[in-house]
Every structure is written in structure tokens, then in C-alpha cells.
Amino acid sequence: MRYLDQQDWEIASRYLFVDMTLRTIERDLNVLKQASPFKITEPYIALLNKLKKVGTAERKKLKNTMHQKKITVTLNEKQDSFTSYLFATKGKQEERNYFNPAIRKKVENILNEWMNQGEEM
């Protein structure tokens, strides 16, 4: 059953996946800087830093909106195949379970979206 209205859920959900995408970028940057399989790492690091900048700006806007609307997202439970998050706003709570490969696909889609934004600039 849905307890959050559609707009609040979309904001919270987008924030959740943008945050995950930024954490993935951070992890990838650390791996590239420490033990890169590439001979020339600078272009990859620059690309990831550009994506990080785009994502950080989006996350900041989403976080401000969530703060204004008093929306929170918290990790509830993590298992091998599924991860559960608790979305809360206006005295209502809703638990959502995500299939871990689906989370990975959403993060990949956001990365592609940000890369395409870079092409348009």
C-alpha cells in the first residue's frame, strides 16, 4: 500500500539513487587513483569528477527540497538479494524493497543520464 504521495516519493527515490550514484563515483575514483588498470588515468578521473559535480548539485537541490517537505529516507535492512528503505513524510511511512540488481541498473541509468547531459553542454 502507498502511503506517500507520488511527488514526495519521486523526490525521495531520486535522492536515494543519486546518493548511491555519487557513492559509486567516489569508490571508482579511489580505485582509479590507487590501482588503475589504465595506462592513462587522468581522462577517466576528470570524467568522474565532472559527473560528481553534476550529481552533487542535483543531490543538494533534492536534499533542500526534502528538508522543506520534511521527507526522510533511511536504510532499513540489507540482504543478499534485496535492500529495504524506509521513506517518511507528513507523519506517514512507507517501506520499499529493492532488488539489488535493479538498484545497480538505476545507478547505471543515472550515470548515463549525467554523461548525456555533459554531451549537450
N, C-alpha and C. Protein backbone atom coordinates (compact mmCIF):
# COMPACT_ATOMS: atom_id res chain seq x y z
N MET A 1 0.84 -1.18 0.00
CA MET A 1 0.00 0.00 0.00
C MET A 1 0.89 1.25 0.00
N ARG A 2 0.49 2.26 -0.75
CA ARG A 2 1.25 3.50 -0.83
C ARG A 2 0.72 4.48 0.20
N TYR A 3 1.64 5.02 0.98
CA TYR A 3 1.29 6.00 1.99
C TYR A 3 1.81 7.39 1.62
N LEU A 4 2.86 7.44 0.84
CA LEU A 4 3.42 8.72 0.42
C LEU A 4 2.77 9.15 -0.90
N ASP A 5 2.57 10.47 -1.06
CA ASP A 5 2.03 10.89 -2.34
C ASP A 5 3.12 10.75 -3.41
N GLN A 6 2.72 10.70 -4.64
CA GLN A 6 3.61 10.39 -5.76
C GLN A 6 4.79 11.37 -5.85
N GLN A 7 4.53 12.65 -5.71
CA GLN A 7 5.59 13.65 -5.84
C GLN A 7 6.64 13.49 -4.73
N ASP A 8 6.21 13.29 -3.49
CA ASP A 8 7.15 13.10 -2.39
C ASP A 8 7.98 11.84 -2.58
N TRP A 9 7.33 10.78 -3.02
CA TRP A 9 8.05 9.53 -3.25
C TRP A 9 9.08 9.68 -4.38
N GLU A 10 8.72 10.39 -5.45
CA GLU A 10 9.65 10.59 -6.56
C GLU A 10 10.87 11.39 -6.12
N ILE A 11 10.67 12.39 -5.31
CA ILE A 11 11.79 13.20 -4.80
C ILE A 11 12.69 12.34 -3.93
N ALA A 12 12.10 11.61 -3.00
CA ALA A 12 12.88 10.77 -2.07
C ALA A 12 13.61 9.65 -2.81
N SER A 13 12.93 9.05 -3.76
CA SER A 13 13.52 7.96 -4.53
C SER A 13 14.69 8.47 -5.37
N ARG A 14 14.50 9.61 -6.01
CA ARG A 14 15.57 10.18 -6.83
C ARG A 14 16.78 10.51 -5.95
N TYR A 15 16.51 11.10 -4.78
CA TYR A 15 17.60 11.41 -3.85
C TYR A 15 18.36 10.13 -3.47
N LEU A 16 17.64 9.09 -3.16
CA LEU A 16 18.27 7.82 -2.77
C LEU A 16 19.21 7.33 -3.86
N PHE A 17 18.77 7.31 -5.09
CA PHE A 17 19.59 6.76 -6.17
C PHE A 17 20.68 7.73 -6.62
N VAL A 18 20.46 9.02 -6.52
CA VAL A 18 21.51 9.99 -6.81
C VAL A 18 22.63 9.83 -5.78
N ASP A 19 22.25 9.68 -4.51
CA ASP A 19 23.24 9.49 -3.46
C ASP A 19 24.05 8.21 -3.69
N MET A 20 23.37 7.14 -4.07
CA MET A 20 24.07 5.87 -4.37
C MET A 20 25.02 6.05 -5.55
N THR A 21 24.59 6.79 -6.55
CA THR A 21 25.43 7.02 -7.73
C THR A 21 26.68 7.80 -7.35
N LEU A 22 26.52 8.80 -6.50
CA LEU A 22 27.68 9.57 -6.06
C LEU A 22 28.65 8.72 -5.24
N ARG A 23 28.11 7.83 -4.41
CA ARG A 23 28.98 6.94 -3.65
C ARG A 23 29.73 5.99 -4.58
N THR A 24 29.08 5.55 -5.64
CA THR A 24 29.73 4.69 -6.63
C THR A 24 30.86 5.44 -7.33
N ILE A 25 30.61 6.68 -7.69
CA ILE A 25 31.64 7.51 -8.34
C ILE A 25 32.83 7.68 -7.40
N GLU A 26 32.57 7.96 -6.14
CA GLU A 26 33.65 8.12 -5.15
C GLU A 26 34.50 6.86 -5.06
N ARG A 27 33.83 5.73 -5.00
CA ARG A 27 34.53 4.45 -4.92
C ARG A 27 35.38 4.21 -6.15
N ASP A 28 34.80 4.48 -7.31
CA ASP A 28 35.53 4.29 -8.57
C ASP A 28 36.73 5.24 -8.67
N LEU A 29 36.56 6.47 -8.20
CA LEU A 29 37.68 7.41 -8.20
C LEU A 29 38.83 6.90 -7.32
N ASN A 30 38.48 6.38 -6.16
CA ASN A 30 39.51 5.84 -5.27
C ASN A 30 40.24 4.67 -5.90
N VAL A 31 39.51 3.80 -6.57
CA VAL A 31 40.13 2.65 -7.24
C VAL A 31 41.04 3.13 -8.36
N LEU A 32 40.57 4.09 -9.15
CA LEU A 32 41.39 4.62 -10.25
C LEU A 32 42.68 5.27 -9.75
N LYS A 33 42.57 5.98 -8.64
CA LYS A 33 43.74 6.68 -8.11
C LYS A 33 44.76 5.72 -7.49
N GLN A 34 44.28 4.60 -6.96
CA GLN A 34 45.17 3.67 -6.26
C GLN A 34 45.77 2.61 -7.17
N ALA A 35 44.93 1.92 -7.90
CA ALA A 35 45.43 0.80 -8.70
C ALA A 35 44.68 0.72 -10.01
N SER A 36 44.96 1.65 -10.88
CA SER A 36 44.24 1.73 -12.14
C SER A 36 44.74 0.69 -13.15
N PRO A 37 43.81 0.05 -13.87
CA PRO A 37 44.22 -0.85 -14.94
C PRO A 37 44.58 -0.10 -16.22
N PHE A 38 44.40 1.23 -16.22
CA PHE A 38 44.65 2.04 -17.41
C PHE A 38 46.05 2.64 -17.36
N LYS A 39 46.63 2.80 -18.53
CA LYS A 39 47.93 3.47 -18.61
C LYS A 39 47.78 4.96 -18.36
N ILE A 40 46.72 5.53 -18.88
CA ILE A 40 46.47 6.96 -18.71
C ILE A 40 45.16 7.11 -17.94
N THR A 41 45.24 7.54 -16.70
CA THR A 41 44.05 7.60 -15.85
C THR A 41 43.40 8.99 -15.81
N GLU A 42 44.13 10.02 -16.17
CA GLU A 42 43.65 11.38 -16.00
C GLU A 42 42.31 11.66 -16.69
N PRO A 43 42.10 11.21 -17.95
CA PRO A 43 40.80 11.50 -18.58
C PRO A 43 39.63 10.83 -17.84
N TYR A 44 39.85 9.64 -17.32
CA TYR A 44 38.79 8.94 -16.59
C TYR A 44 38.50 9.63 -15.27
N ILE A 45 39.55 10.06 -14.61
CA ILE A 45 39.38 10.78 -13.35
C ILE A 45 38.65 12.10 -13.59
N ALA A 46 39.01 12.80 -14.66
CA ALA A 46 38.35 14.06 -15.00
C ALA A 46 36.87 13.85 -15.30
N LEU A 47 36.57 12.78 -16.05
CA LEU A 47 35.17 12.47 -16.36
C LEU A 47 34.38 12.18 -15.08
N LEU A 48 34.94 11.36 -14.22
CA LEU A 48 34.25 11.04 -12.97
C LEU A 48 34.08 12.28 -12.09
N ASN A 49 35.07 13.16 -12.09
CA ASN A 49 34.94 14.40 -11.31
C ASN A 49 33.84 15.30 -11.87
N LYS A 50 33.70 15.35 -13.20
CA LYS A 50 32.61 16.13 -13.81
C LYS A 50 31.25 15.54 -13.43
N LEU A 51 31.15 14.21 -13.49
CA LEU A 51 29.90 13.55 -13.11
C LEU A 51 29.59 13.79 -11.64
N LYS A 52 30.62 13.77 -10.83
CA LYS A 52 30.46 14.02 -9.40
C LYS A 52 29.93 15.43 -9.15
N LYS A 53 30.44 16.39 -9.92
CA LYS A 53 29.99 17.78 -9.77
C LYS A 53 28.51 17.92 -10.14
N VAL A 54 28.12 17.31 -11.24
CA VAL A 54 26.72 17.33 -11.67
C VAL A 54 25.83 16.68 -10.61
N GLY A 55 26.26 15.53 -10.13
CA GLY A 55 25.49 14.78 -9.14
C GLY A 55 25.39 15.49 -7.80
N THR A 56 26.48 16.12 -7.39
CA THR A 56 26.48 16.83 -6.11
C THR A 56 25.49 18.00 -6.15
N ALA A 57 25.44 18.70 -7.27
CA ALA A 57 24.49 19.81 -7.41
C ALA A 57 23.05 19.29 -7.36
N GLU A 58 22.79 18.18 -8.04
CA GLU A 58 21.43 17.62 -8.02
C GLU A 58 21.06 17.14 -6.62
N ARG A 59 22.00 16.45 -5.96
CA ARG A 59 21.72 15.94 -4.62
C ARG A 59 21.43 17.09 -3.66
N LYS A 60 22.17 18.19 -3.79
CA LYS A 60 21.96 19.35 -2.92
C LYS A 60 20.55 19.91 -3.09
N LYS A 61 20.10 20.04 -4.34
CA LYS A 61 18.74 20.54 -4.61
C LYS A 61 17.70 19.59 -4.02
N LEU A 62 17.91 18.30 -4.25
CA LEU A 62 16.96 17.31 -3.72
C LEU A 62 16.93 17.32 -2.19
N LYS A 63 18.10 17.45 -1.59
CA LYS A 63 18.19 17.46 -0.13
C LYS A 63 17.46 18.67 0.44
N ASN A 64 17.62 19.84 -0.20
CA ASN A 64 16.91 21.05 0.23
C ASN A 64 15.40 20.86 0.11
N THR A 65 14.95 20.30 -0.98
CA THR A 65 13.52 20.04 -1.18
C THR A 65 13.01 19.07 -0.12
N MET A 66 13.79 18.02 0.14
CA MET A 66 13.38 17.06 1.16
C MET A 66 13.32 17.70 2.54
N HIS A 67 14.26 18.58 2.83
CA HIS A 67 14.26 19.26 4.13
C HIS A 67 13.01 20.14 4.26
N GLN A 68 12.67 20.87 3.20
CA GLN A 68 11.49 21.73 3.22
C GLN A 68 10.21 20.93 3.41
N LYS A 69 10.16 19.75 2.76
CA LYS A 69 8.95 18.93 2.83
C LYS A 69 9.00 17.91 3.97
N LYS A 70 10.10 17.93 4.74
CA LYS A 70 10.29 17.02 5.87
C LYS A 70 10.20 15.55 5.43
N ILE A 71 10.95 15.23 4.37
CA ILE A 71 11.00 13.88 3.83
C ILE A 71 12.31 13.24 4.28
N THR A 72 12.25 12.01 4.75
CA THR A 72 13.47 11.29 5.11
C THR A 72 13.49 9.93 4.42
N VAL A 73 14.72 9.47 4.17
CA VAL A 73 14.93 8.14 3.60
C VAL A 73 16.01 7.48 4.45
N THR A 74 15.73 6.29 4.96
CA THR A 74 16.72 5.58 5.76
C THR A 74 16.80 4.12 5.32
N LEU A 75 18.02 3.62 5.39
CA LEU A 75 18.24 2.20 5.10
C LEU A 75 17.60 1.41 6.22
N ASN A 76 16.78 0.46 5.86
CA ASN A 76 16.07 -0.34 6.85
C ASN A 76 16.75 -1.68 7.05
N GLU A 77 17.00 -2.38 5.95
CA GLU A 77 17.60 -3.71 6.05
C GLU A 77 18.26 -4.07 4.72
N LYS A 78 19.42 -4.70 4.81
CA LYS A 78 20.13 -5.11 3.60
C LYS A 78 20.34 -6.62 3.67
N GLN A 79 19.94 -7.30 2.59
CA GLN A 79 20.12 -8.74 2.49
C GLN A 79 20.88 -9.04 1.21
N ASP A 80 21.10 -10.32 0.93
CA ASP A 80 21.84 -10.70 -0.27
C ASP A 80 21.18 -10.21 -1.55
N SER A 81 19.87 -10.37 -1.65
CA SER A 81 19.17 -10.05 -2.90
C SER A 81 18.38 -8.76 -2.86
N PHE A 82 17.98 -8.33 -1.68
CA PHE A 82 17.12 -7.17 -1.56
C PHE A 82 17.65 -6.20 -0.51
N THR A 83 17.32 -4.91 -0.72
CA THR A 83 17.62 -3.88 0.26
C THR A 83 16.33 -3.11 0.51
N SER A 84 16.06 -2.86 1.78
CA SER A 84 14.83 -2.21 2.19
C SER A 84 15.12 -0.80 2.70
N TYR A 85 14.32 0.17 2.24
CA TYR A 85 14.45 1.56 2.68
C TYR A 85 13.12 2.03 3.24
N LEU A 86 13.21 2.91 4.24
CA LEU A 86 12.03 3.48 4.85
C LEU A 86 11.92 4.95 4.42
N PHE A 87 10.81 5.28 3.77
CA PHE A 87 10.52 6.64 3.33
C PHE A 87 9.50 7.22 4.30
N ALA A 88 9.73 8.44 4.78
CA ALA A 88 8.81 9.04 5.75
C ALA A 88 8.59 10.51 5.42
N THR A 89 7.34 10.94 5.55
CA THR A 89 6.97 12.35 5.39
C THR A 89 5.55 12.57 5.91
N LYS A 90 5.32 13.76 6.43
CA LYS A 90 3.99 14.17 6.89
C LYS A 90 3.35 13.13 7.80
N GLY A 91 4.14 12.53 8.68
CA GLY A 91 3.62 11.53 9.61
C GLY A 91 3.31 10.18 8.99
N LYS A 92 3.65 10.00 7.74
CA LYS A 92 3.41 8.74 7.04
C LYS A 92 4.74 8.07 6.76
N GLN A 93 4.71 6.74 6.78
CA GLN A 93 5.90 5.97 6.47
C GLN A 93 5.56 4.89 5.45
N GLU A 94 6.54 4.60 4.63
CA GLU A 94 6.37 3.54 3.64
C GLU A 94 7.69 2.82 3.47
N GLU A 95 7.65 1.51 3.57
CA GLU A 95 8.85 0.70 3.36
C GLU A 95 8.84 0.18 1.94
N ARG A 96 9.98 0.29 1.28
CA ARG A 96 10.13 -0.20 -0.08
C ARG A 96 11.30 -1.17 -0.14
N ASN A 97 11.09 -2.28 -0.81
CA ASN A 97 12.15 -3.27 -1.02
C ASN A 97 12.62 -3.15 -2.46
N TYR A 98 13.95 -3.12 -2.63
CA TYR A 98 14.54 -3.04 -3.95
C TYR A 98 15.42 -4.26 -4.20
N PHE A 99 15.26 -4.85 -5.35
CA PHE A 99 16.10 -5.96 -5.79
C PHE A 99 17.47 -5.37 -6.10
N ASN A 100 18.53 -5.90 -5.51
CA ASN A 100 19.86 -5.29 -5.63
C ASN A 100 20.32 -5.10 -7.08
N PRO A 101 20.09 -6.06 -7.99
CA PRO A 101 20.45 -5.79 -9.39
C PRO A 101 19.64 -4.63 -10.00
N ALA A 102 18.43 -4.41 -9.52
CA ALA A 102 17.63 -3.28 -10.01
C ALA A 102 18.22 -1.96 -9.50
N ILE A 103 18.76 -1.96 -8.29
CA ILE A 103 19.44 -0.78 -7.76
C ILE A 103 20.64 -0.45 -8.63
N ARG A 104 21.40 -1.48 -8.96
CA ARG A 104 22.59 -1.29 -9.80
C ARG A 104 22.19 -0.69 -11.16
N LYS A 105 21.09 -1.17 -11.73
CA LYS A 105 20.63 -0.66 -13.02
C LYS A 105 20.19 0.80 -12.92
N LYS A 106 19.52 1.17 -11.82
CA LYS A 106 19.11 2.56 -11.64
C LYS A 106 20.32 3.49 -11.52
N VAL A 107 21.34 3.03 -10.80
CA VAL A 107 22.57 3.81 -10.67
C VAL A 107 23.23 3.96 -12.04
N GLU A 108 23.27 2.88 -12.80
CA GLU A 108 23.83 2.92 -14.15
C GLU A 108 23.06 3.91 -15.04
N ASN A 109 21.74 3.89 -14.93
CA ASN A 109 20.91 4.81 -15.72
C ASN A 109 21.19 6.27 -15.37
N ILE A 110 21.37 6.54 -14.08
CA ILE A 110 21.67 7.92 -13.66
C ILE A 110 23.04 8.34 -14.19
N LEU A 111 24.03 7.45 -14.12
CA LEU A 111 25.34 7.76 -14.68
C LEU A 111 25.24 8.09 -16.17
N ASN A 112 24.48 7.28 -16.90
CA ASN A 112 24.28 7.54 -18.34
C ASN A 112 23.57 8.87 -18.57
N GLU A 113 22.59 9.16 -17.76
CA GLU A 113 21.85 10.43 -17.86
C GLU A 113 22.81 11.61 -17.67
N TRP A 114 23.65 11.54 -16.64
CA TRP A 114 24.60 12.63 -16.39
C TRP A 114 25.64 12.73 -17.51
N MET A 115 26.06 11.61 -18.06
CA MET A 115 27.03 11.65 -19.17
C MET A 115 26.40 12.31 -20.39
N ASN A 116 25.14 12.01 -20.65
CA ASN A 116 24.44 12.61 -21.78
C ASN A 116 24.25 14.10 -21.57
N GLN A 117 24.05 14.54 -20.33
CA GLN A 117 23.95 15.98 -20.03
C GLN A 117 25.25 16.67 -20.41
N GLY A 118 26.36 16.01 -20.16
CA GLY A 118 27.67 16.57 -20.48
C GLY A 118 27.85 16.76 -21.98
N GLU A 119 27.26 15.87 -22.77
CA GLU A 119 27.35 16.00 -24.23
C GLU A 119 26.55 17.17 -24.75
N GLU A 120 25.46 17.50 -24.07
CA GLU A 120 24.59 18.59 -24.51
C GLU A 120 25.18 19.96 -24.21
N MET A 121 26.12 20.05 -23.26
CA MET A 121 26.70 21.33 -22.87
C MET A 121 27.66 21.86 -23.87
